[in-house]
Amino acid sequence: MPQILRSISLLRGWVRAQRTKLLVLLLVVTLVAPQPTKGQFLPIDMAAIVSAIGAINTAITNVIGAGLRDISGALNAVNGVLNAIQSFF
């Protein structure tokens, strides 16, 4: 145990003696370290989300929209027949 305390004491003395050098090293490492890119963490990449929403819109328009247009055409045809029958009587 006394050897550990002596080692800690030596380490604290070395840190005090080299304080300025350690602070300069810390400053250089902080300035030189690469910064995180935009969209890497929480600020989500909005372009990807907008692109995905556009793809969903296109899929809905092409797949569901065509079916709805067909249904509308059929209903208009039925409506025309019913109007013809009603005008006959």
Protein backbone atom coordinates (compact mmCIF):
# COMPACT_ATOMS: atom_id res chain seq x y z
CA MET A 1 0.00 0.00 0.00
CA PRO A 2 2.78 2.51 0.80
CA GLN A 3 4.27 1.82 -2.65
CA ILE A 4 0.95 2.78 -4.32
CA LEU A 5 0.77 5.99 -2.29
CA ARG A 6 4.36 6.82 -3.24
CA SER A 7 3.59 6.16 -6.93
CA ILE A 8 0.52 8.41 -6.77
CA SER A 9 2.58 11.11 -5.10
CA LEU A 10 5.27 10.85 -7.81
CA LEU A 11 2.61 11.03 -10.53
CA ARG A 12 1.03 14.13 -8.97
CA GLY A 13 4.44 15.78 -8.77
CA TRP A 14 5.16 14.98 -12.42
CA VAL A 15 1.77 16.34 -13.52
CA ARG A 16 2.41 19.58 -11.59
CA ALA A 17 5.84 19.93 -13.17
CA GLN A 18 4.52 19.28 -16.69
CA ARG A 19 1.22 21.19 -16.30
CA THR A 20 1.91 23.74 -19.06
CA LYS A 21 3.05 21.10 -21.54
CA LEU A 22 0.00 18.96 -20.79
CA LEU A 23 -2.36 21.91 -21.26
CA VAL A 24 -0.74 22.79 -24.59
CA LEU A 25 -1.00 19.15 -25.69
CA LEU A 26 -4.67 19.06 -24.69
CA LEU A 27 -5.34 22.30 -26.61
CA VAL A 28 -3.60 21.01 -29.75
CA VAL A 29 -5.45 17.68 -29.63
CA THR A 30 -8.75 19.52 -29.16
CA LEU A 31 -8.12 21.79 -32.14
CA VAL A 32 -6.74 19.08 -34.43
CA ALA A 33 -9.36 16.41 -33.67
CA PRO A 34 -11.85 16.02 -36.54
CA GLN A 35 -15.26 17.54 -36.00
CA PRO A 36 -18.36 15.40 -36.45
CA THR A 37 -20.01 15.87 -39.82
CA LYS A 38 -23.49 17.27 -40.19
CA GLY A 39 -26.12 14.57 -39.96
CA GLN A 40 -23.81 12.15 -38.16
CA PHE A 41 -25.58 12.35 -34.81
CA LEU A 42 -28.90 13.87 -33.75
CA PRO A 43 -29.24 16.59 -36.40
CA ILE A 44 -30.83 14.10 -38.78
CA ASP A 45 -30.04 14.32 -42.48
CA MET A 46 -33.18 16.05 -43.72
CA ALA A 47 -32.38 15.43 -47.39
CA ALA A 48 -32.71 11.68 -46.87
CA ILE A 49 -36.06 12.11 -45.14
CA VAL A 50 -37.37 14.43 -47.87
CA SER A 51 -36.23 11.96 -50.53
CA ALA A 52 -37.96 9.07 -48.76
CA ILE A 53 -41.19 11.06 -48.44
CA GLY A 54 -41.00 11.92 -52.15
CA ALA A 55 -40.58 8.24 -53.01
CA ILE A 56 -43.60 7.36 -50.87
CA ASN A 57 -45.64 10.08 -52.59
CA THR A 58 -44.67 8.73 -56.02
CA ALA A 59 -45.57 5.17 -55.02
CA ILE A 60 -48.95 6.25 -53.67
CA THR A 61 -49.69 8.34 -56.76
CA ASN A 62 -48.73 5.57 -59.19
CA VAL A 63 -50.22 2.57 -57.41
CA ILE A 64 -53.21 3.79 -55.43
CA GLY A 65 -53.99 6.76 -57.67
CA ALA A 66 -54.45 4.56 -60.73
CA GLY A 67 -56.88 2.31 -58.86
CA LEU A 68 -58.83 5.30 -57.58
CA ARG A 69 -59.08 6.71 -61.11
CA ASP A 70 -60.47 3.36 -62.32
CA ILE A 71 -63.01 3.28 -59.49
CA SER A 72 -64.03 6.86 -60.28
CA GLY A 73 -64.51 5.97 -63.94
CA ALA A 74 -66.68 2.97 -63.01
CA LEU A 75 -68.80 5.07 -60.64
CA ASN A 76 -69.25 7.71 -63.34
CA ALA A 77 -70.41 5.01 -65.76
CA VAL A 78 -72.89 3.63 -63.20
CA ASN A 79 -74.08 7.17 -62.50
CA GLY A 80 -74.63 7.73 -66.22
CA VAL A 81 -76.68 4.51 -66.50
CA LEU A 82 -78.77 5.42 -63.47
CA ASN A 83 -79.38 8.92 -64.83
CA ALA A 84 -80.48 7.40 -68.17
CA ILE A 85 -82.86 5.03 -66.41
CA GLN A 86 -84.24 7.81 -64.25
CA SER A 87 -84.82 10.09 -67.25
CA PHE A 88 -86.58 7.21 -69.06
CA PHE A 89 -89.26 7.04 -66.37
